[in-house]
Amino acid sequence: MSAVLKTSIGKITYSDDFIGKIAGINAIECYGIVGMANRNATDGIVNLLKIDSLKRGVRVATDETENVSVELFIVVKYGVSISAVAANIIETVKFGLENMTGLNVVNVDVVVQGIKI
């Protein structure tokens, strides 16, 4: 699906991949995060994703309106406050997406997949 922002003279359509890349870039800039994790880490092995594939650590839910929900799968640095890091990521991603696209970010969920020592 995609998110659609309607303006007075037309509409802007954002693909889920585009939204996911913006969310991933904003998240990776936050202190305490080592990287994005693969969102399909069901076997207990968490792989850090390279900068080119940040959107794979992000799940985006849109409904053809201007509302967006984001779920981020991250690996944090050992010794940091996970709740503080998560709160920072939530605020940074929400602000970044709303500022760059004009969309309404309904929620940002952070899933900690691992810790790096």
N, C-alpha and C. Protein backbone atom coordinates (compact mmCIF):
# COMPACT_ATOMS: atom_id res chain seq x y z
N MET A 1 0.85 -1.18 0.00
CA MET A 1 0.00 0.00 0.00
C MET A 1 0.89 1.24 0.00
N SER A 2 0.25 2.36 0.11
CA SER A 2 0.99 3.61 0.14
C SER A 2 0.21 4.65 0.93
N ALA A 3 0.87 5.73 1.26
CA ALA A 3 0.23 6.83 1.97
C ALA A 3 -0.03 7.96 0.97
N VAL A 4 -1.18 8.57 1.10
CA VAL A 4 -1.57 9.63 0.17
C VAL A 4 -1.83 10.90 0.95
N LEU A 5 -1.14 11.96 0.56
CA LEU A 5 -1.34 13.27 1.15
C LEU A 5 -2.05 14.14 0.12
N LYS A 6 -3.25 14.58 0.45
CA LYS A 6 -4.02 15.40 -0.48
C LYS A 6 -3.77 16.87 -0.19
N THR A 7 -3.51 17.63 -1.25
CA THR A 7 -3.31 19.07 -1.13
C THR A 7 -4.41 19.78 -1.91
N SER A 8 -4.37 21.09 -1.90
CA SER A 8 -5.41 21.86 -2.59
C SER A 8 -5.32 21.73 -4.12
N ILE A 9 -4.14 21.37 -4.63
CA ILE A 9 -3.99 21.28 -6.09
C ILE A 9 -3.68 19.87 -6.60
N GLY A 10 -3.68 18.90 -5.72
CA GLY A 10 -3.39 17.53 -6.16
C GLY A 10 -3.10 16.63 -4.98
N LYS A 11 -2.40 15.54 -5.26
CA LYS A 11 -2.07 14.61 -4.18
C LYS A 11 -0.65 14.10 -4.35
N ILE A 12 -0.07 13.72 -3.21
CA ILE A 12 1.28 13.16 -3.19
C ILE A 12 1.15 11.75 -2.65
N THR A 13 1.71 10.78 -3.37
CA THR A 13 1.67 9.38 -2.94
C THR A 13 3.08 8.95 -2.55
N TYR A 14 3.19 8.45 -1.31
CA TYR A 14 4.47 7.95 -0.79
C TYR A 14 4.41 6.43 -0.69
N SER A 15 5.39 5.75 -1.26
CA SER A 15 5.41 4.29 -1.16
C SER A 15 5.88 3.88 0.22
N ASP A 16 5.52 2.66 0.64
CA ASP A 16 5.94 2.14 1.94
C ASP A 16 7.47 2.02 2.01
N ASP A 17 8.11 1.68 0.90
CA ASP A 17 9.58 1.58 0.88
C ASP A 17 10.22 2.94 1.16
N PHE A 18 9.69 3.98 0.57
CA PHE A 18 10.22 5.32 0.79
C PHE A 18 10.06 5.73 2.25
N ILE A 19 8.89 5.51 2.81
CA ILE A 19 8.63 5.84 4.21
C ILE A 19 9.56 5.03 5.12
N GLY A 20 9.76 3.75 4.78
CA GLY A 20 10.64 2.89 5.56
C GLY A 20 12.08 3.37 5.55
N LYS A 21 12.55 3.84 4.40
CA LYS A 21 13.92 4.36 4.32
C LYS A 21 14.09 5.60 5.17
N ILE A 22 13.14 6.51 5.13
CA ILE A 22 13.22 7.72 5.94
C ILE A 22 13.22 7.35 7.42
N ALA A 23 12.35 6.44 7.82
CA ALA A 23 12.28 6.02 9.22
C ALA A 23 13.59 5.36 9.65
N GLY A 24 14.16 4.51 8.81
CA GLY A 24 15.41 3.84 9.13
C GLY A 24 16.57 4.80 9.27
N ILE A 25 16.65 5.77 8.37
CA ILE A 25 17.72 6.77 8.43
C ILE A 25 17.60 7.61 9.69
N ASN A 26 16.38 8.02 10.03
CA ASN A 26 16.18 8.80 11.25
C ASN A 26 16.52 7.99 12.49
N ALA A 27 16.15 6.72 12.51
CA ALA A 27 16.40 5.88 13.68
C ALA A 27 17.88 5.64 13.89
N ILE A 28 18.61 5.36 12.83
CA ILE A 28 20.02 5.00 12.94
C ILE A 28 20.88 6.17 13.44
N GLU A 29 20.37 7.37 13.34
CA GLU A 29 21.10 8.54 13.80
C GLU A 29 21.00 8.75 15.31
N CYS A 30 20.14 8.00 15.99
CA CYS A 30 19.93 8.17 17.42
C CYS A 30 21.05 7.51 18.22
N TYR A 31 21.40 8.12 19.34
CA TYR A 31 22.43 7.60 20.22
C TYR A 31 21.95 6.29 20.88
N GLY A 32 22.85 5.34 20.98
CA GLY A 32 22.56 4.09 21.66
C GLY A 32 22.13 2.97 20.74
N ILE A 33 21.82 3.28 19.51
CA ILE A 33 21.41 2.25 18.56
C ILE A 33 22.64 1.83 17.75
N VAL A 34 22.87 0.53 17.71
CA VAL A 34 24.00 0.00 16.95
C VAL A 34 23.61 -0.18 15.49
N GLY A 35 22.38 -0.58 15.25
CA GLY A 35 21.92 -0.77 13.89
C GLY A 35 20.51 -1.30 13.85
N MET A 36 20.04 -1.49 12.64
CA MET A 36 18.71 -2.06 12.43
C MET A 36 18.86 -3.58 12.32
N ALA A 37 17.87 -4.30 12.80
CA ALA A 37 17.89 -5.75 12.73
C ALA A 37 16.87 -6.22 11.71
N ASN A 38 17.10 -7.40 11.16
CA ASN A 38 16.15 -7.98 10.23
C ASN A 38 14.85 -8.26 10.96
N ARG A 39 13.74 -7.82 10.43
CA ARG A 39 12.47 -7.97 11.13
C ARG A 39 11.96 -9.41 11.14
N ASN A 40 12.60 -10.31 10.44
CA ASN A 40 12.18 -11.71 10.41
C ASN A 40 13.12 -12.59 11.22
N ALA A 41 13.65 -12.08 12.31
CA ALA A 41 14.61 -12.83 13.11
C ALA A 41 13.87 -13.80 14.04
N THR A 42 13.28 -14.83 13.49
CA THR A 42 12.50 -15.77 14.27
C THR A 42 13.34 -16.90 14.84
N ASP A 43 14.54 -17.12 14.30
CA ASP A 43 15.36 -18.23 14.77
C ASP A 43 16.32 -17.83 15.89
N GLY A 44 16.20 -16.63 16.41
CA GLY A 44 17.04 -16.19 17.51
C GLY A 44 18.35 -15.57 17.07
N ILE A 45 18.66 -15.62 15.81
CA ILE A 45 19.90 -15.01 15.30
C ILE A 45 19.55 -13.67 14.70
N VAL A 46 20.18 -12.64 15.22
CA VAL A 46 19.90 -11.28 14.75
C VAL A 46 21.08 -10.79 13.94
N ASN A 47 20.83 -10.38 12.72
CA ASN A 47 21.86 -9.84 11.84
C ASN A 47 21.67 -8.34 11.71
N LEU A 48 22.77 -7.60 11.90
CA LEU A 48 22.71 -6.17 11.67
C LEU A 48 22.65 -5.91 10.18
N LEU A 49 21.84 -4.94 9.80
CA LEU A 49 21.68 -4.61 8.39
C LEU A 49 22.61 -3.48 8.01
N LYS A 50 23.10 -3.52 6.80
CA LYS A 50 23.96 -2.46 6.29
C LYS A 50 23.10 -1.22 5.99
N ILE A 51 23.77 -0.11 5.84
CA ILE A 51 23.08 1.17 5.63
C ILE A 51 22.19 1.15 4.39
N ASP A 52 22.53 0.35 3.37
CA ASP A 52 21.74 0.29 2.15
C ASP A 52 20.40 -0.41 2.34
N SER A 53 20.29 -1.24 3.36
CA SER A 53 19.07 -2.02 3.53
C SER A 53 18.35 -1.70 4.84
N LEU A 54 18.38 -0.44 5.25
CA LEU A 54 17.74 -0.04 6.49
C LEU A 54 16.23 -0.27 6.47
N LYS A 55 15.62 -0.16 5.32
CA LYS A 55 14.16 -0.31 5.26
C LYS A 55 13.72 -1.73 5.59
N ARG A 56 14.66 -2.71 5.52
CA ARG A 56 14.30 -4.08 5.87
C ARG A 56 14.14 -4.25 7.37
N GLY A 57 14.65 -3.31 8.15
CA GLY A 57 14.47 -3.33 9.60
C GLY A 57 13.28 -2.50 10.03
N VAL A 58 12.44 -2.13 9.08
CA VAL A 58 11.28 -1.27 9.35
C VAL A 58 10.04 -1.89 8.72
N ARG A 59 8.96 -1.92 9.46
CA ARG A 59 7.66 -2.34 8.92
C ARG A 59 6.75 -1.12 8.93
N VAL A 60 6.18 -0.81 7.78
CA VAL A 60 5.32 0.36 7.61
C VAL A 60 3.91 -0.11 7.31
N ALA A 61 2.94 0.49 7.99
CA ALA A 61 1.52 0.19 7.72
C ALA A 61 0.83 1.49 7.30
N THR A 62 0.27 1.46 6.10
CA THR A 62 -0.47 2.61 5.58
C THR A 62 -1.83 2.12 5.10
N ASP A 63 -2.74 3.05 4.91
CA ASP A 63 -4.09 2.66 4.50
C ASP A 63 -4.69 3.59 3.44
N GLU A 64 -3.82 4.04 2.52
CA GLU A 64 -4.25 4.94 1.44
C GLU A 64 -4.75 6.30 1.95
N THR A 65 -4.44 6.62 3.21
CA THR A 65 -4.73 7.95 3.74
C THR A 65 -3.40 8.57 4.14
N GLU A 66 -3.46 9.66 4.89
CA GLU A 66 -2.21 10.29 5.32
C GLU A 66 -1.73 9.76 6.67
N ASN A 67 -2.34 8.70 7.18
CA ASN A 67 -1.94 8.10 8.45
C ASN A 67 -0.92 6.98 8.22
N VAL A 68 0.13 6.96 9.05
CA VAL A 68 1.21 5.99 8.91
C VAL A 68 1.53 5.41 10.29
N SER A 69 1.77 4.10 10.34
CA SER A 69 2.27 3.43 11.54
C SER A 69 3.60 2.79 11.18
N VAL A 70 4.56 2.89 12.09
CA VAL A 70 5.91 2.38 11.83
C VAL A 70 6.33 1.46 12.97
N GLU A 71 6.97 0.35 12.62
CA GLU A 71 7.54 -0.57 13.60
C GLU A 71 9.01 -0.75 13.24
N LEU A 72 9.90 -0.46 14.20
CA LEU A 72 11.34 -0.51 13.98
C LEU A 72 11.95 -1.67 14.76
N PHE A 73 12.83 -2.43 14.12
CA PHE A 73 13.51 -3.56 14.74
C PHE A 73 14.98 -3.17 14.89
N ILE A 74 15.45 -3.03 16.14
CA ILE A 74 16.76 -2.46 16.38
C ILE A 74 17.65 -3.35 17.23
N VAL A 75 18.94 -3.03 17.21
CA VAL A 75 19.94 -3.61 18.10
C VAL A 75 20.55 -2.43 18.85
N VAL A 76 20.59 -2.55 20.18
CA VAL A 76 21.09 -1.45 21.00
C VAL A 76 22.49 -1.75 21.53
N LYS A 77 23.16 -0.70 21.95
CA LYS A 77 24.50 -0.79 22.52
C LYS A 77 24.39 -1.19 23.99
N TYR A 78 25.27 -2.04 24.43
CA TYR A 78 25.27 -2.47 25.83
C TYR A 78 25.59 -1.30 26.74
N GLY A 79 24.85 -1.19 27.85
CA GLY A 79 25.12 -0.17 28.85
C GLY A 79 24.26 1.08 28.74
N VAL A 80 23.45 1.18 27.72
CA VAL A 80 22.59 2.36 27.58
C VAL A 80 21.22 2.06 28.16
N SER A 81 20.50 3.08 28.49
CA SER A 81 19.13 2.92 28.96
C SER A 81 18.24 2.64 27.75
N ILE A 82 17.72 1.43 27.69
CA ILE A 82 16.92 1.03 26.53
C ILE A 82 15.66 1.88 26.42
N SER A 83 15.04 2.19 27.56
CA SER A 83 13.82 3.00 27.50
C SER A 83 14.11 4.41 26.99
N ALA A 84 15.25 4.99 27.38
CA ALA A 84 15.62 6.32 26.90
C ALA A 84 15.94 6.29 25.41
N VAL A 85 16.66 5.26 24.97
CA VAL A 85 16.98 5.12 23.55
C VAL A 85 15.70 4.96 22.74
N ALA A 86 14.79 4.10 23.21
CA ALA A 86 13.53 3.88 22.48
C ALA A 86 12.69 5.15 22.42
N ALA A 87 12.61 5.89 23.52
CA ALA A 87 11.85 7.13 23.53
C ALA A 87 12.45 8.14 22.55
N ASN A 88 13.78 8.21 22.50
CA ASN A 88 14.45 9.11 21.57
C ASN A 88 14.18 8.70 20.12
N ILE A 89 14.23 7.41 19.84
CA ILE A 89 13.95 6.92 18.49
C ILE A 89 12.52 7.26 18.08
N ILE A 90 11.59 7.03 18.97
CA ILE A 90 10.18 7.31 18.67
C ILE A 90 9.99 8.78 18.30
N GLU A 91 10.52 9.68 19.12
CA GLU A 91 10.37 11.11 18.85
C GLU A 91 11.09 11.54 17.56
N THR A 92 12.29 11.01 17.36
CA THR A 92 13.08 11.39 16.18
C THR A 92 12.42 10.91 14.89
N VAL A 93 11.97 9.67 14.87
CA VAL A 93 11.33 9.12 13.67
C VAL A 93 10.01 9.83 13.39
N LYS A 94 9.21 10.05 14.42
CA LYS A 94 7.92 10.73 14.25
C LYS A 94 8.14 12.14 13.69
N PHE A 95 9.06 12.89 14.30
CA PHE A 95 9.34 14.25 13.83
C PHE A 95 9.89 14.24 12.41
N GLY A 96 10.85 13.35 12.13
CA GLY A 96 11.45 13.30 10.81
C GLY A 96 10.45 12.97 9.71
N LEU A 97 9.61 11.98 9.95
CA LEU A 97 8.61 11.60 8.94
C LEU A 97 7.58 12.71 8.72
N GLU A 98 7.07 13.27 9.82
CA GLU A 98 6.06 14.32 9.67
C GLU A 98 6.65 15.57 9.03
N ASN A 99 7.88 15.89 9.37
CA ASN A 99 8.53 17.09 8.82
C ASN A 99 8.84 16.93 7.33
N MET A 100 9.35 15.76 6.93
CA MET A 100 9.75 15.56 5.53
C MET A 100 8.57 15.31 4.59
N THR A 101 7.54 14.63 5.08
CA THR A 101 6.46 14.21 4.19
C THR A 101 5.14 14.93 4.40
N GLY A 102 4.90 15.44 5.59
CA GLY A 102 3.60 16.05 5.88
C GLY A 102 2.55 15.03 6.28
N LEU A 103 2.94 13.76 6.38
CA LEU A 103 2.01 12.70 6.78
C LEU A 103 1.78 12.73 8.28
N ASN A 104 0.73 12.07 8.74
CA ASN A 104 0.39 11.97 10.14
C ASN A 104 0.90 10.63 10.67
N VAL A 105 1.91 10.64 11.52
CA VAL A 105 2.45 9.40 12.09
C VAL A 105 1.60 9.06 13.31
N VAL A 106 0.83 7.98 13.19
CA VAL A 106 -0.09 7.56 14.25
C VAL A 106 0.68 6.95 15.41
N ASN A 107 1.61 6.03 15.12
CA ASN A 107 2.43 5.45 16.17
C ASN A 107 3.74 4.93 15.61
N VAL A 108 4.72 4.87 16.51
CA VAL A 108 6.04 4.32 16.21
C VAL A 108 6.32 3.28 17.29
N ASP A 109 6.45 2.03 16.90
CA ASP A 109 6.76 0.95 17.84
C ASP A 109 8.22 0.54 17.65
N VAL A 110 8.91 0.33 18.77
CA VAL A 110 10.31 -0.09 18.73
C VAL A 110 10.41 -1.50 19.30
N VAL A 111 11.00 -2.40 18.51
CA VAL A 111 11.21 -3.78 18.93
C VAL A 111 12.72 -3.98 19.06
N VAL A 112 13.18 -4.23 20.29
CA VAL A 112 14.61 -4.45 20.50
C VAL A 112 14.89 -5.92 20.23
N GLN A 113 15.64 -6.19 19.17
CA GLN A 113 15.95 -7.55 18.74
C GLN A 113 17.23 -8.08 19.37
N GLY A 114 18.09 -7.19 19.85
CA GLY A 114 19.33 -7.66 20.44
C GLY A 114 20.13 -6.55 21.06
N ILE A 115 21.26 -6.96 21.64
CA ILE A 115 22.16 -6.01 22.28
C ILE A 115 23.58 -6.34 21.83
N LYS A 116 24.38 -5.33 21.58
CA LYS A 116 25.75 -5.51 21.11
C LYS A 116 26.71 -5.07 22.19
N ILE A 117 27.61 -5.96 22.53
CA ILE A 117 28.58 -5.69 23.58
C ILE A 117 29.84 -5.11 22.97
